[in-house]
Amino acid sequence: MSAQFPLDTAIAHPPAPASAAKTSTRPAATAKAAVDVRPLSSRHAALRAFVRNPAAMAGLVLLAFMLVLALVAPLLYPGDPLDMVAQPLLWPGQDAAYPLGSDSLGRDVIAGIAHGARISLSVGVVAAVLSLAIGVLVGATAGYFGGRIDDVLVRITELFQTMPSFLFVIVVVAIGQPSVPVIVFAIGLASWPVIARLVRAEFRALRETEFVLAARSQGFSHARIIFQEILPNALPPVIVTTSVLVASAILIESALSFLGMGDPNAVSWGSMIGQGRELLRTAWYLTALPGAAIVLTVLALNLVGDGLNDAFNPRLRGR
């Protein structure tokens, strides 16, 4: 899914007249007004477009269900999901106490899915936040200052992009220990170049606009211009891309766990699939149920991302 937007989606500020910038007796208020004028009508239109998108709302409801399941998992299933509590290989519906059955060691499948939602979603969200922080910092610095700083940061970004992301994550996890913090760090470190290139492109388009020049004429610091003036206007495509990063992080963590490189002390959807693959012909539900949870979560994130894309892009909003 492309997260590129036309220039007019990011630049919605009316230009601040040069005479006003020179003659105003309240320069800070004038510059802030130039930044705050953009949004209300545009934001309301984007919100209405998102709410009226049935696919986006379906994805949002599905994602909310997964989040609620992850939050209430310790209340619904307070024990350790790795405990052997039932007869091995109970099929779904065979025992009312274990509605989704049990695995080859007698562990409750539904408890594993509920607790696995906590691990999979937390890994996806935290890894996306980490990559977002690194990517925004690198992309904003490169796009705003340009010159040699831009050249150096672009080369560093390209260096990370030349390495296959999944293999890079495997190497980092293999060097460290296979634990949830190490997996989160590895995924975040492998995913930030996408955000960096997007933010850099937005900053290069916005850094010479009139509202930025007006802020410079008021003597605002570089940090204030970057984070308070330009970054809010570059956020829509970044938000859309972040939803894709969360989905990608969940898939990468699942693949690692499937290969046996996940945290052995935590239950995730990928580890459940990996443990059930040897019984795929005789007890296919052990892989199908956690696999369905992954599919539904990633589908929900993609639907929400598509809805945000349509809402923030005026060319797609009325389609």
C-alpha atoms as a PDB file:
ATOM      1  CA  MET A   1       0.000   0.000   0.000  1.00  0.00           C
ATOM      2  CA  SER A   2       1.451   3.269  -0.995  1.00  0.00           C
ATOM      3  CA  ALA A   3       1.646   6.012   1.595  1.00  0.00           C
ATOM      4  CA  GLN A   4       2.600   8.803  -0.784  1.00  0.00           C
ATOM      5  CA  PHE A   5       0.350  11.837  -0.890  1.00  0.00           C
ATOM      6  CA  PRO A   6       0.089  14.824  -3.170  1.00  0.00           C
ATOM      7  CA  LEU A   7       1.609  17.998  -1.905  1.00  0.00           C
ATOM      8  CA  ASP A   8      -1.736  19.630  -1.251  1.00  0.00           C
ATOM      9  CA  THR A   9      -2.595  17.039   1.417  1.00  0.00           C
ATOM     10  CA  ALA A  10       0.315  18.183   3.545  1.00  0.00           C
ATOM     11  CA  ILE A  11       0.297  21.928   2.853  1.00  0.00           C
ATOM     12  CA  ALA A  12      -3.035  23.225   3.964  1.00  0.00           C
ATOM     13  CA  HIS A  13      -1.792  26.396   5.695  1.00  0.00           C
ATOM     14  CA  PRO A  14      -2.703  29.671   4.113  1.00  0.00           C
ATOM     15  CA  PRO A  15       0.463  31.689   3.457  1.00  0.00           C
ATOM     16  CA  ALA A  16       1.290  34.264   6.081  1.00  0.00           C
ATOM     17  CA  PRO A  17       1.693  37.729   4.505  1.00  0.00           C
ATOM     18  CA  ALA A  18       5.209  39.085   4.734  1.00  0.00           C
ATOM     19  CA  SER A  19       3.948  42.459   5.919  1.00  0.00           C
ATOM     20  CA  ALA A  20       2.101  40.838   8.789  1.00  0.00           C
ATOM     21  CA  ALA A  21       5.259  39.037   9.858  1.00  0.00           C
ATOM     22  CA  LYS A  22       7.173  42.328   9.936  1.00  0.00           C
ATOM     23  CA  THR A  23       4.598  44.590  11.572  1.00  0.00           C
ATOM     24  CA  SER A  24       2.871  42.323  14.106  1.00  0.00           C
ATOM     25  CA  THR A  25       3.321  43.322  17.726  1.00  0.00           C
ATOM     26  CA  ARG A  26       2.779  39.689  18.791  1.00  0.00           C
ATOM     27  CA  PRO A  27       5.091  37.637  16.574  1.00  0.00           C
ATOM     28  CA  ALA A  28       4.721  34.352  18.449  1.00  0.00           C
ATOM     29  CA  ALA A  29       0.928  34.498  18.274  1.00  0.00           C
ATOM     30  CA  THR A  30       1.078  35.361  14.560  1.00  0.00           C
ATOM     31  CA  ALA A  31       3.311  32.393  13.725  1.00  0.00           C
ATOM     32  CA  LYS A  32       1.220  30.037  15.847  1.00  0.00           C
ATOM     33  CA  ALA A  33      -1.934  31.210  14.117  1.00  0.00           C
ATOM     34  CA  ALA A  34      -0.309  30.367  10.787  1.00  0.00           C
ATOM     35  CA  VAL A  35       0.197  26.821  11.999  1.00  0.00           C
ATOM     36  CA  ASP A  36      -3.179  26.322  13.642  1.00  0.00           C
ATOM     37  CA  VAL A  37      -5.361  27.688  10.850  1.00  0.00           C
ATOM     38  CA  ARG A  38      -5.018  24.588   8.657  1.00  0.00           C
ATOM     39  CA  PRO A  39      -6.711  21.894  10.370  1.00  0.00           C
ATOM     40  CA  LEU A  40     -10.157  21.950  11.857  1.00  0.00           C
ATOM     41  CA  SER A  41     -12.231  21.700   8.701  1.00  0.00           C
ATOM     42  CA  SER A  42      -9.704  19.366   7.059  1.00  0.00           C
ATOM     43  CA  ARG A  43      -9.495  17.150  10.136  1.00  0.00           C
ATOM     44  CA  HIS A  44     -13.270  16.977  10.470  1.00  0.00           C
ATOM     45  CA  ALA A  45     -13.620  16.059   6.798  1.00  0.00           C
ATOM     46  CA  ALA A  46     -10.999  13.314   7.191  1.00  0.00           C
ATOM     47  CA  LEU A  47     -12.730  11.978  10.301  1.00  0.00           C
ATOM     48  CA  ARG A  48     -16.114  11.941   8.568  1.00  0.00           C
ATOM     49  CA  ALA A  49     -14.616  10.147   5.567  1.00  0.00           C
ATOM     50  CA  PHE A  50     -13.034   7.536   7.829  1.00  0.00           C
ATOM     51  CA  VAL A  51     -16.241   6.934   9.810  1.00  0.00           C
ATOM     52  CA  ARG A  52     -18.267   6.574   6.596  1.00  0.00           C
ATOM     53  CA  ASN A  53     -15.864   3.945   5.227  1.00  0.00           C
ATOM     54  CA  PRO A  54     -17.466   0.567   6.051  1.00  0.00           C
ATOM     55  CA  ALA A  55     -14.272  -1.414   5.452  1.00  0.00           C
ATOM     56  CA  ALA A  56     -12.287   0.875   7.759  1.00  0.00           C
ATOM     57  CA  MET A  57     -14.918   0.660  10.481  1.00  0.00           C
ATOM     58  CA  ALA A  58     -15.017  -3.146  10.175  1.00  0.00           C
ATOM     59  CA  GLY A  59     -11.244  -3.222  10.559  1.00  0.00           C
ATOM     60  CA  LEU A  60     -11.426  -0.875  13.537  1.00  0.00           C
ATOM     61  CA  VAL A  61     -14.046  -3.051  15.271  1.00  0.00           C
ATOM     62  CA  LEU A  62     -12.023  -6.191  14.636  1.00  0.00           C
ATOM     63  CA  LEU A  63      -8.843  -4.554  15.885  1.00  0.00           C
ATOM     64  CA  ALA A  64     -10.655  -3.288  18.987  1.00  0.00           C
ATOM     65  CA  PHE A  65     -11.850  -6.837  19.698  1.00  0.00           C
ATOM     66  CA  MET A  66      -8.276  -8.144  19.535  1.00  0.00           C
ATOM     67  CA  LEU A  67      -7.080  -5.365  21.835  1.00  0.00           C
ATOM     68  CA  VAL A  68      -9.831  -6.076  24.362  1.00  0.00           C
ATOM     69  CA  LEU A  69      -9.000  -9.791  24.230  1.00  0.00           C
ATOM     70  CA  ALA A  70      -5.362  -9.006  24.956  1.00  0.00           C
ATOM     71  CA  LEU A  71      -6.275  -6.730  27.868  1.00  0.00           C
ATOM     72  CA  VAL A  72      -8.692  -9.104  29.569  1.00  0.00           C
ATOM     73  CA  ALA A  73      -6.640 -12.270  28.993  1.00  0.00           C
ATOM     74  CA  PRO A  74      -5.227 -12.317  32.572  1.00  0.00           C
ATOM     75  CA  LEU A  75      -8.762 -11.959  33.952  1.00  0.00           C
ATOM     76  CA  LEU A  76     -10.347 -14.614  31.749  1.00  0.00           C
ATOM     77  CA  TYR A  77      -7.428 -17.044  32.011  1.00  0.00           C
ATOM     78  CA  PRO A  78      -5.446 -16.117  35.139  1.00  0.00           C
ATOM     79  CA  GLY A  79      -3.191 -19.164  35.094  1.00  0.00           C
ATOM     80  CA  ASP A  80      -0.028 -19.713  33.097  1.00  0.00           C
ATOM     81  CA  PRO A  81      -1.048 -20.544  29.489  1.00  0.00           C
ATOM     82  CA  LEU A  82       1.899 -22.963  29.351  1.00  0.00           C
ATOM     83  CA  ASP A  83       0.446 -25.112  32.158  1.00  0.00           C
ATOM     84  CA  MET A  84      -0.810 -28.589  31.244  1.00  0.00           C
ATOM     85  CA  VAL A  85      -4.399 -28.458  32.466  1.00  0.00           C
ATOM     86  CA  ALA A  86      -6.388 -30.787  30.212  1.00  0.00           C
ATOM     87  CA  GLN A  87      -6.307 -34.088  28.430  1.00  0.00           C
ATOM     88  CA  PRO A  88      -3.986 -33.846  25.403  1.00  0.00           C
ATOM     89  CA  LEU A  89      -5.416 -33.249  21.945  1.00  0.00           C
ATOM     90  CA  LEU A  90      -8.973 -32.342  22.851  1.00  0.00           C
ATOM     91  CA  TRP A  91     -10.752 -31.124  19.730  1.00  0.00           C
ATOM     92  CA  PRO A  92     -12.691 -27.837  19.753  1.00  0.00           C
ATOM     93  CA  GLY A  93     -16.119 -28.407  21.274  1.00  0.00           C
ATOM     94  CA  GLN A  94     -15.217 -31.769  22.768  1.00  0.00           C
ATOM     95  CA  ASP A  95     -14.987 -30.397  26.314  1.00  0.00           C
ATOM     96  CA  ALA A  96     -16.992 -27.334  27.399  1.00  0.00           C
ATOM     97  CA  ALA A  97     -14.231 -26.326  29.823  1.00  0.00           C
ATOM     98  CA  TYR A  98     -11.813 -26.003  26.893  1.00  0.00           C
ATOM     99  CA  PRO A  99     -13.945 -24.676  24.012  1.00  0.00           C
ATOM    100  CA  LEU A 100     -11.067 -24.539  21.494  1.00  0.00           C
ATOM    101  CA  GLY A 101      -9.508 -27.787  22.627  1.00  0.00           C
ATOM    102  CA  SER A 102      -6.021 -28.541  23.899  1.00  0.00           C
ATOM    103  CA  ASP A 103      -2.641 -29.222  22.330  1.00  0.00           C
ATOM    104  CA  SER A 104      -0.418 -32.296  22.510  1.00  0.00           C
ATOM    105  CA  LEU A 105       0.739 -31.374  26.020  1.00  0.00           C
ATOM    106  CA  GLY A 106      -2.738 -30.618  27.375  1.00  0.00           C
ATOM    107  CA  ARG A 107      -2.433 -26.815  27.259  1.00  0.00           C
ATOM    108  CA  ASP A 108      -5.608 -24.799  26.752  1.00  0.00           C
ATOM    109  CA  VAL A 109      -5.671 -23.454  23.189  1.00  0.00           C
ATOM    110  CA  ILE A 110      -8.020 -20.537  23.851  1.00  0.00           C
ATOM    111  CA  ALA A 111      -5.893 -19.411  26.804  1.00  0.00           C
ATOM    112  CA  GLY A 112      -2.849 -19.514  24.551  1.00  0.00           C
ATOM    113  CA  ILE A 113      -4.591 -17.434  21.875  1.00  0.00           C
ATOM    114  CA  ALA A 114      -5.728 -14.843  24.426  1.00  0.00           C
ATOM    115  CA  HIS A 115      -2.311 -14.529  26.063  1.00  0.00           C
ATOM    116  CA  GLY A 116      -0.632 -14.741  22.665  1.00  0.00           C
ATOM    117  CA  ALA A 117      -2.593 -11.662  21.621  1.00  0.00           C
ATOM    118  CA  ARG A 118      -0.826  -9.715  24.377  1.00  0.00           C
ATOM    119  CA  ILE A 119       2.618 -10.740  23.132  1.00  0.00           C
ATOM    120  CA  SER A 120       1.933 -10.384  19.408  1.00  0.00           C
ATOM    121  CA  LEU A 121       0.158  -7.019  19.672  1.00  0.00           C
ATOM    122  CA  SER A 122       2.637  -5.579  22.164  1.00  0.00           C
ATOM    123  CA  VAL A 123       5.572  -6.615  19.976  1.00  0.00           C
ATOM    124  CA  GLY A 124       3.885  -5.070  16.928  1.00  0.00           C
ATOM    125  CA  VAL A 125       3.009  -1.788  18.620  1.00  0.00           C
ATOM    126  CA  VAL A 126       6.276  -1.256  20.519  1.00  0.00           C
ATOM    127  CA  ALA A 127       8.421  -2.202  17.513  1.00  0.00           C
ATOM    128  CA  ALA A 128       6.423   0.194  15.320  1.00  0.00           C
ATOM    129  CA  VAL A 129       6.836   2.993  17.887  1.00  0.00           C
ATOM    130  CA  LEU A 130      10.586   2.366  18.021  1.00  0.00           C
ATOM    131  CA  SER A 131      10.942   2.413  14.240  1.00  0.00           C
ATOM    132  CA  LEU A 132       8.705   5.488  14.096  1.00  0.00           C
ATOM    133  CA  ALA A 133      10.898   7.363  16.598  1.00  0.00           C
ATOM    134  CA  ILE A 134      14.123   6.521  14.755  1.00  0.00           C
ATOM    135  CA  GLY A 135      12.643   7.132  11.310  1.00  0.00           C
ATOM    136  CA  VAL A 136      11.073  10.479  12.184  1.00  0.00           C
ATOM    137  CA  LEU A 137      14.268  11.731  13.820  1.00  0.00           C
ATOM    138  CA  VAL A 138      16.484  10.678  10.914  1.00  0.00           C
ATOM    139  CA  GLY A 139      14.064  11.726   8.161  1.00  0.00           C
ATOM    140  CA  ALA A 140      13.207  15.077   9.722  1.00  0.00           C
ATOM    141  CA  THR A 141      16.868  15.953  10.276  1.00  0.00           C
ATOM    142  CA  ALA A 142      17.841  14.971   6.741  1.00  0.00           C
ATOM    143  CA  GLY A 143      14.904  16.659   5.044  1.00  0.00           C
ATOM    144  CA  TYR A 144      15.069  19.883   7.041  1.00  0.00           C
ATOM    145  CA  PHE A 145      18.794  20.625   6.988  1.00  0.00           C
ATOM    146  CA  GLY A 146      19.746  19.069   3.635  1.00  0.00           C
ATOM    147  CA  GLY A 147      23.326  19.341   2.406  1.00  0.00           C
ATOM    148  CA  ARG A 148      25.968  17.059   3.882  1.00  0.00           C
ATOM    149  CA  ILE A 149      23.760  16.059   6.785  1.00  0.00           C
ATOM    150  CA  ASP A 150      21.174  14.848   4.304  1.00  0.00           C
ATOM    151  CA  ASP A 151      23.789  12.954   2.287  1.00  0.00           C
ATOM    152  CA  VAL A 152      25.194  11.146   5.336  1.00  0.00           C
ATOM    153  CA  LEU A 153      21.789  10.176   6.721  1.00  0.00           C
ATOM    154  CA  VAL A 154      20.562   9.021   3.315  1.00  0.00           C
ATOM    155  CA  ARG A 155      23.609   6.768   2.950  1.00  0.00           C
ATOM    156  CA  ILE A 156      22.995   5.286   6.407  1.00  0.00           C
ATOM    157  CA  THR A 157      19.356   4.684   5.504  1.00  0.00           C
ATOM    158  CA  GLU A 158      20.333   3.014   2.240  1.00  0.00           C
ATOM    159  CA  LEU A 159      22.819   0.823   4.117  1.00  0.00           C
ATOM    160  CA  PHE A 160      20.036  -0.540   6.304  1.00  0.00           C
ATOM    161  CA  GLN A 161      17.754  -0.984   3.309  1.00  0.00           C
ATOM    162  CA  THR A 162      20.295  -3.109   1.445  1.00  0.00           C
ATOM    163  CA  MET A 163      19.997  -5.793   4.133  1.00  0.00           C
ATOM    164  CA  PRO A 164      16.917  -8.069   4.003  1.00  0.00           C
ATOM    165  CA  SER A 165      14.817  -7.093   6.996  1.00  0.00           C
ATOM    166  CA  PHE A 166      13.934 -10.591   8.145  1.00  0.00           C
ATOM    167  CA  LEU A 167      17.505 -11.873   7.908  1.00  0.00           C
ATOM    168  CA  PHE A 168      18.699  -8.800   9.788  1.00  0.00           C
ATOM    169  CA  VAL A 169      16.196  -9.518  12.571  1.00  0.00           C
ATOM    170  CA  ILE A 170      17.318 -13.153  12.726  1.00  0.00           C
ATOM    171  CA  VAL A 171      20.971 -12.110  13.073  1.00  0.00           C
ATOM    172  CA  VAL A 172      20.220  -9.618  15.852  1.00  0.00           C
ATOM    173  CA  VAL A 173      18.076 -12.129  17.766  1.00  0.00           C
ATOM    174  CA  ALA A 174      20.731 -14.828  17.309  1.00  0.00           C
ATOM    175  CA  ILE A 175      23.426 -12.523  18.687  1.00  0.00           C
ATOM    176  CA  GLY A 176      21.283 -11.617  21.669  1.00  0.00           C
ATOM    177  CA  GLN A 177      18.983 -13.977  23.514  1.00  0.00           C
ATOM    178  CA  PRO A 178      15.563 -14.850  22.068  1.00  0.00           C
ATOM    179  CA  SER A 179      13.462 -12.693  24.381  1.00  0.00           C
ATOM    180  CA  VAL A 180      10.625 -10.269  23.746  1.00  0.00           C
ATOM    181  CA  PRO A 181      12.736  -7.080  24.316  1.00  0.00           C
ATOM    182  CA  VAL A 182      15.441  -8.305  21.920  1.00  0.00           C
ATOM    183  CA  ILE A 183      12.842  -9.198  19.279  1.00  0.00           C
ATOM    184  CA  VAL A 184      11.189  -5.792  19.617  1.00  0.00           C
ATOM    185  CA  PHE A 185      14.537  -4.029  19.314  1.00  0.00           C
ATOM    186  CA  ALA A 186      15.522  -6.080  16.270  1.00  0.00           C
ATOM    187  CA  ILE A 187      12.239  -5.467  14.435  1.00  0.00           C
ATOM    188  CA  GLY A 188      12.279  -1.747  15.222  1.00  0.00           C
ATOM    189  CA  LEU A 189      15.878  -1.453  14.063  1.00  0.00           C
ATOM    190  CA  ALA A 190      15.058  -3.169  10.773  1.00  0.00           C
ATOM    191  CA  SER A 191      11.886  -1.189   9.985  1.00  0.00           C
ATOM    192  CA  TRP A 192      12.789   2.479  10.474  1.00  0.00           C
ATOM    193  CA  PRO A 193      14.195   3.230   6.955  1.00  0.00           C
ATOM    194  CA  VAL A 194      10.672   3.198   5.458  1.00  0.00           C
ATOM    195  CA  ILE A 195       9.551   5.947   7.837  1.00  0.00           C
ATOM    196  CA  ALA A 196      12.796   7.884   7.408  1.00  0.00           C
ATOM    197  CA  ARG A 197      12.481   8.099   3.617  1.00  0.00           C
ATOM    198  CA  LEU A 198       8.821   9.116   3.838  1.00  0.00           C
ATOM    199  CA  VAL A 199       9.440  11.823   6.465  1.00  0.00           C
ATOM    200  CA  ARG A 200      12.454  13.125   4.544  1.00  0.00           C
ATOM    201  CA  ALA A 201      10.359  13.521   1.389  1.00  0.00           C
ATOM    202  CA  GLU A 202       7.628  15.387   3.299  1.00  0.00           C
ATOM    203  CA  PHE A 203      10.123  17.710   4.993  1.00  0.00           C
ATOM    204  CA  ARG A 204      11.857  18.501   1.705  1.00  0.00           C
ATOM    205  CA  ALA A 205       8.480  19.513   0.272  1.00  0.00           C
ATOM    206  CA  LEU A 206       7.505  21.631   3.268  1.00  0.00           C
ATOM    207  CA  ARG A 207      10.725  23.278   4.438  1.00  0.00           C
ATOM    208  CA  GLU A 208      10.521  26.200   1.961  1.00  0.00           C
ATOM    209  CA  THR A 209       6.800  26.921   2.328  1.00  0.00           C
ATOM    210  CA  GLU A 210       5.732  30.339   3.484  1.00  0.00           C
ATOM    211  CA  PHE A 211       4.498  29.333   6.934  1.00  0.00           C
ATOM    212  CA  VAL A 212       7.951  27.817   7.656  1.00  0.00           C
ATOM    213  CA  LEU A 213       9.673  30.971   6.373  1.00  0.00           C
ATOM    214  CA  ALA A 214       7.393  33.029   8.617  1.00  0.00           C
ATOM    215  CA  ALA A 215       8.366  30.904  11.616  1.00  0.00           C
ATOM    216  CA  ARG A 216      12.050  31.388  10.790  1.00  0.00           C
ATOM    217  CA  SER A 217      11.567  35.130  10.519  1.00  0.00           C
ATOM    218  CA  GLN A 218      10.183  35.111  14.059  1.00  0.00           C
ATOM    219  CA  GLY A 219      13.423  33.549  15.316  1.00  0.00           C
ATOM    220  CA  PHE A 220      12.003  30.124  16.187  1.00  0.00           C
ATOM    221  CA  SER A 221      14.588  27.440  16.921  1.00  0.00           C
ATOM    222  CA  HIS A 222      15.215  24.576  14.510  1.00  0.00           C
ATOM    223  CA  ALA A 223      13.722  22.095  16.979  1.00  0.00           C
ATOM    224  CA  ARG A 224      10.522  24.103  17.293  1.00  0.00           C
ATOM    225  CA  ILE A 225      10.150  24.478  13.535  1.00  0.00           C
ATOM    226  CA  ILE A 226      10.764  20.765  12.982  1.00  0.00           C
ATOM    227  CA  PHE A 227       8.486  19.364  15.681  1.00  0.00           C
ATOM    228  CA  GLN A 228       5.802  22.040  16.014  1.00  0.00           C
ATOM    229  CA  GLU A 229       5.542  23.567  12.552  1.00  0.00           C
ATOM    230  CA  ILE A 230       6.499  20.985   9.902  1.00  0.00           C
ATOM    231  CA  LEU A 231       5.990  17.605  11.552  1.00  0.00           C
ATOM    232  CA  PRO A 232       2.228  18.045  12.236  1.00  0.00           C
ATOM    233  CA  ASN A 233       1.741  18.660   8.500  1.00  0.00           C
ATOM    234  CA  ALA A 234       3.755  15.556   7.590  1.00  0.00           C
ATOM    235  CA  LEU A 235       1.897  13.206   9.948  1.00  0.00           C
ATOM    236  CA  PRO A 236      -0.969  11.875   7.749  1.00  0.00           C
ATOM    237  CA  PRO A 237       1.170   9.636   5.504  1.00  0.00           C
ATOM    238  CA  VAL A 238       3.286   8.647   8.512  1.00  0.00           C
ATOM    239  CA  ILE A 239       0.195   7.524  10.434  1.00  0.00           C
ATOM    240  CA  VAL A 240      -0.954   5.414   7.497  1.00  0.00           C
ATOM    241  CA  THR A 241       2.454   3.782   7.170  1.00  0.00           C
ATOM    242  CA  THR A 242       2.604   3.087  10.905  1.00  0.00           C
ATOM    243  CA  SER A 243      -0.435   0.820  10.679  1.00  0.00           C
ATOM    244  CA  VAL A 244       1.418  -1.218   8.059  1.00  0.00           C
ATOM    245  CA  LEU A 245       4.505  -1.369  10.284  1.00  0.00           C
ATOM    246  CA  VAL A 246       2.481  -2.828  13.153  1.00  0.00           C
ATOM    247  CA  ALA A 247       1.115  -5.545  10.870  1.00  0.00           C
ATOM    248  CA  SER A 248       4.594  -6.287   9.496  1.00  0.00           C
ATOM    249  CA  ALA A 249       6.060  -6.504  13.011  1.00  0.00           C
ATOM    250  CA  ILE A 250       3.384  -9.023  14.041  1.00  0.00           C
ATOM    251  CA  LEU A 251       4.169 -11.158  10.993  1.00  0.00           C
ATOM    252  CA  ILE A 252       7.928 -11.003  11.617  1.00  0.00           C
ATOM    253  CA  GLU A 253       7.519 -11.983  15.276  1.00  0.00           C
ATOM    254  CA  SER A 254       5.241 -14.845  14.250  1.00  0.00           C
ATOM    255  CA  ALA A 255       7.784 -16.058  11.714  1.00  0.00           C
ATOM    256  CA  LEU A 256      10.559 -15.938  14.312  1.00  0.00           C
ATOM    257  CA  SER A 257       8.483 -17.891  16.808  1.00  0.00           C
ATOM    258  CA  PHE A 258       7.530 -20.385  14.115  1.00  0.00           C
ATOM    259  CA  LEU A 259      11.240 -20.984  13.488  1.00  0.00           C
ATOM    260  CA  GLY A 260      11.857 -21.528  17.192  1.00  0.00           C
ATOM    261  CA  MET A 261      13.561 -18.156  17.753  1.00  0.00           C
ATOM    262  CA  GLY A 262      10.818 -16.645  19.880  1.00  0.00           C
ATOM    263  CA  ASP A 263      10.796 -16.154  23.633  1.00  0.00           C
ATOM    264  CA  PRO A 264      10.487 -19.679  25.125  1.00  0.00           C
ATOM    265  CA  ASN A 265       8.860 -18.257  28.264  1.00  0.00           C
ATOM    266  CA  ALA A 266       6.059 -16.466  26.430  1.00  0.00           C
ATOM    267  CA  VAL A 267       3.153 -17.684  24.324  1.00  0.00           C
ATOM    268  CA  SER A 268       2.629 -16.035  20.950  1.00  0.00           C
ATOM    269  CA  TRP A 269       0.544 -16.932  17.939  1.00  0.00           C
ATOM    270  CA  GLY A 270       3.662 -17.817  15.962  1.00  0.00           C
ATOM    271  CA  SER A 271       4.965 -20.172  18.635  1.00  0.00           C
ATOM    272  CA  MET A 272       1.586 -21.929  18.774  1.00  0.00           C
ATOM    273  CA  ILE A 273       1.704 -22.480  15.012  1.00  0.00           C
ATOM    274  CA  GLY A 274       5.273 -23.749  15.235  1.00  0.00           C
ATOM    275  CA  GLN A 275       4.412 -26.208  17.993  1.00  0.00           C
ATOM    276  CA  GLY A 276       1.371 -27.512  16.128  1.00  0.00           C
ATOM    277  CA  ARG A 277       2.967 -27.991  12.713  1.00  0.00           C
ATOM    278  CA  GLU A 278       4.077 -31.559  13.519  1.00  0.00           C
ATOM    279  CA  LEU A 279       0.427 -32.504  14.050  1.00  0.00           C
ATOM    280  CA  LEU A 280      -0.893 -30.641  11.031  1.00  0.00           C
ATOM    281  CA  ARG A 281      -2.602 -33.708   9.531  1.00  0.00           C
ATOM    282  CA  THR A 282      -4.101 -35.124  12.719  1.00  0.00           C
ATOM    283  CA  ALA A 283      -4.833 -31.906  14.689  1.00  0.00           C
ATOM    284  CA  TRP A 284      -4.949 -29.096  12.147  1.00  0.00           C
ATOM    285  CA  TYR A 285      -6.815 -26.793  14.529  1.00  0.00           C
ATOM    286  CA  LEU A 286      -3.594 -26.265  16.510  1.00  0.00           C
ATOM    287  CA  THR A 287      -2.189 -24.235  13.608  1.00  0.00           C
ATOM    288  CA  ALA A 288      -5.442 -23.008  12.050  1.00  0.00           C
ATOM    289  CA  LEU A 289      -6.768 -21.183  15.119  1.00  0.00           C
ATOM    290  CA  PRO A 290      -3.687 -19.047  15.946  1.00  0.00           C
ATOM    291  CA  GLY A 291      -3.152 -18.611  12.206  1.00  0.00           C
ATOM    292  CA  ALA A 292      -6.687 -17.229  11.897  1.00  0.00           C
ATOM    293  CA  ALA A 293      -5.926 -14.794  14.746  1.00  0.00           C
ATOM    294  CA  ILE A 294      -2.871 -13.513  12.853  1.00  0.00           C
ATOM    295  CA  VAL A 295      -4.821 -13.207   9.594  1.00  0.00           C
ATOM    296  CA  LEU A 296      -7.688 -11.289  11.205  1.00  0.00           C
ATOM    297  CA  THR A 297      -5.370  -8.911  13.077  1.00  0.00           C
ATOM    298  CA  VAL A 298      -3.238  -8.125  10.029  1.00  0.00           C
ATOM    299  CA  LEU A 299      -6.392  -7.739   7.906  1.00  0.00           C
ATOM    300  CA  ALA A 300      -7.848  -5.332  10.460  1.00  0.00           C
ATOM    301  CA  LEU A 301      -4.667  -3.230  10.468  1.00  0.00           C
ATOM    302  CA  ASN A 302      -4.606  -3.108   6.666  1.00  0.00           C
ATOM    303  CA  LEU A 303      -8.272  -2.082   6.504  1.00  0.00           C
ATOM    304  CA  VAL A 304      -7.661   0.687   9.030  1.00  0.00           C
ATOM    305  CA  GLY A 305      -4.585   1.812   7.090  1.00  0.00           C
ATOM    306  CA  ASP A 306      -6.518   1.902   3.816  1.00  0.00           C
ATOM    307  CA  GLY A 307      -9.289   3.863   5.514  1.00  0.00           C
ATOM    308  CA  LEU A 308      -6.806   6.402   6.868  1.00  0.00           C
ATOM    309  CA  ASN A 309      -5.240   6.698   3.429  1.00  0.00           C
ATOM    310  CA  ASP A 310      -8.615   7.399   1.829  1.00  0.00           C
ATOM    311  CA  ALA A 311      -9.563   9.848   4.586  1.00  0.00           C
ATOM    312  CA  PHE A 312      -6.363  11.901   4.528  1.00  0.00           C
ATOM    313  CA  ASN A 313      -6.048  11.978   0.735  1.00  0.00           C
ATOM    314  CA  PRO A 314      -8.557  14.487  -0.719  1.00  0.00           C
ATOM    315  CA  ARG A 315      -8.319  12.855  -4.148  1.00  0.00           C
ATOM    316  CA  LEU A 316      -9.587   9.576  -2.669  1.00  0.00           C
ATOM    317  CA  ARG A 317     -11.904  11.007  -0.004  1.00  0.00           C
ATOM    318  CA  GLY A 318     -14.915  11.431  -2.229  1.00  0.00           C
ATOM    319  CA  ARG A 319     -14.441   8.269  -4.256  1.00  0.00           C
END
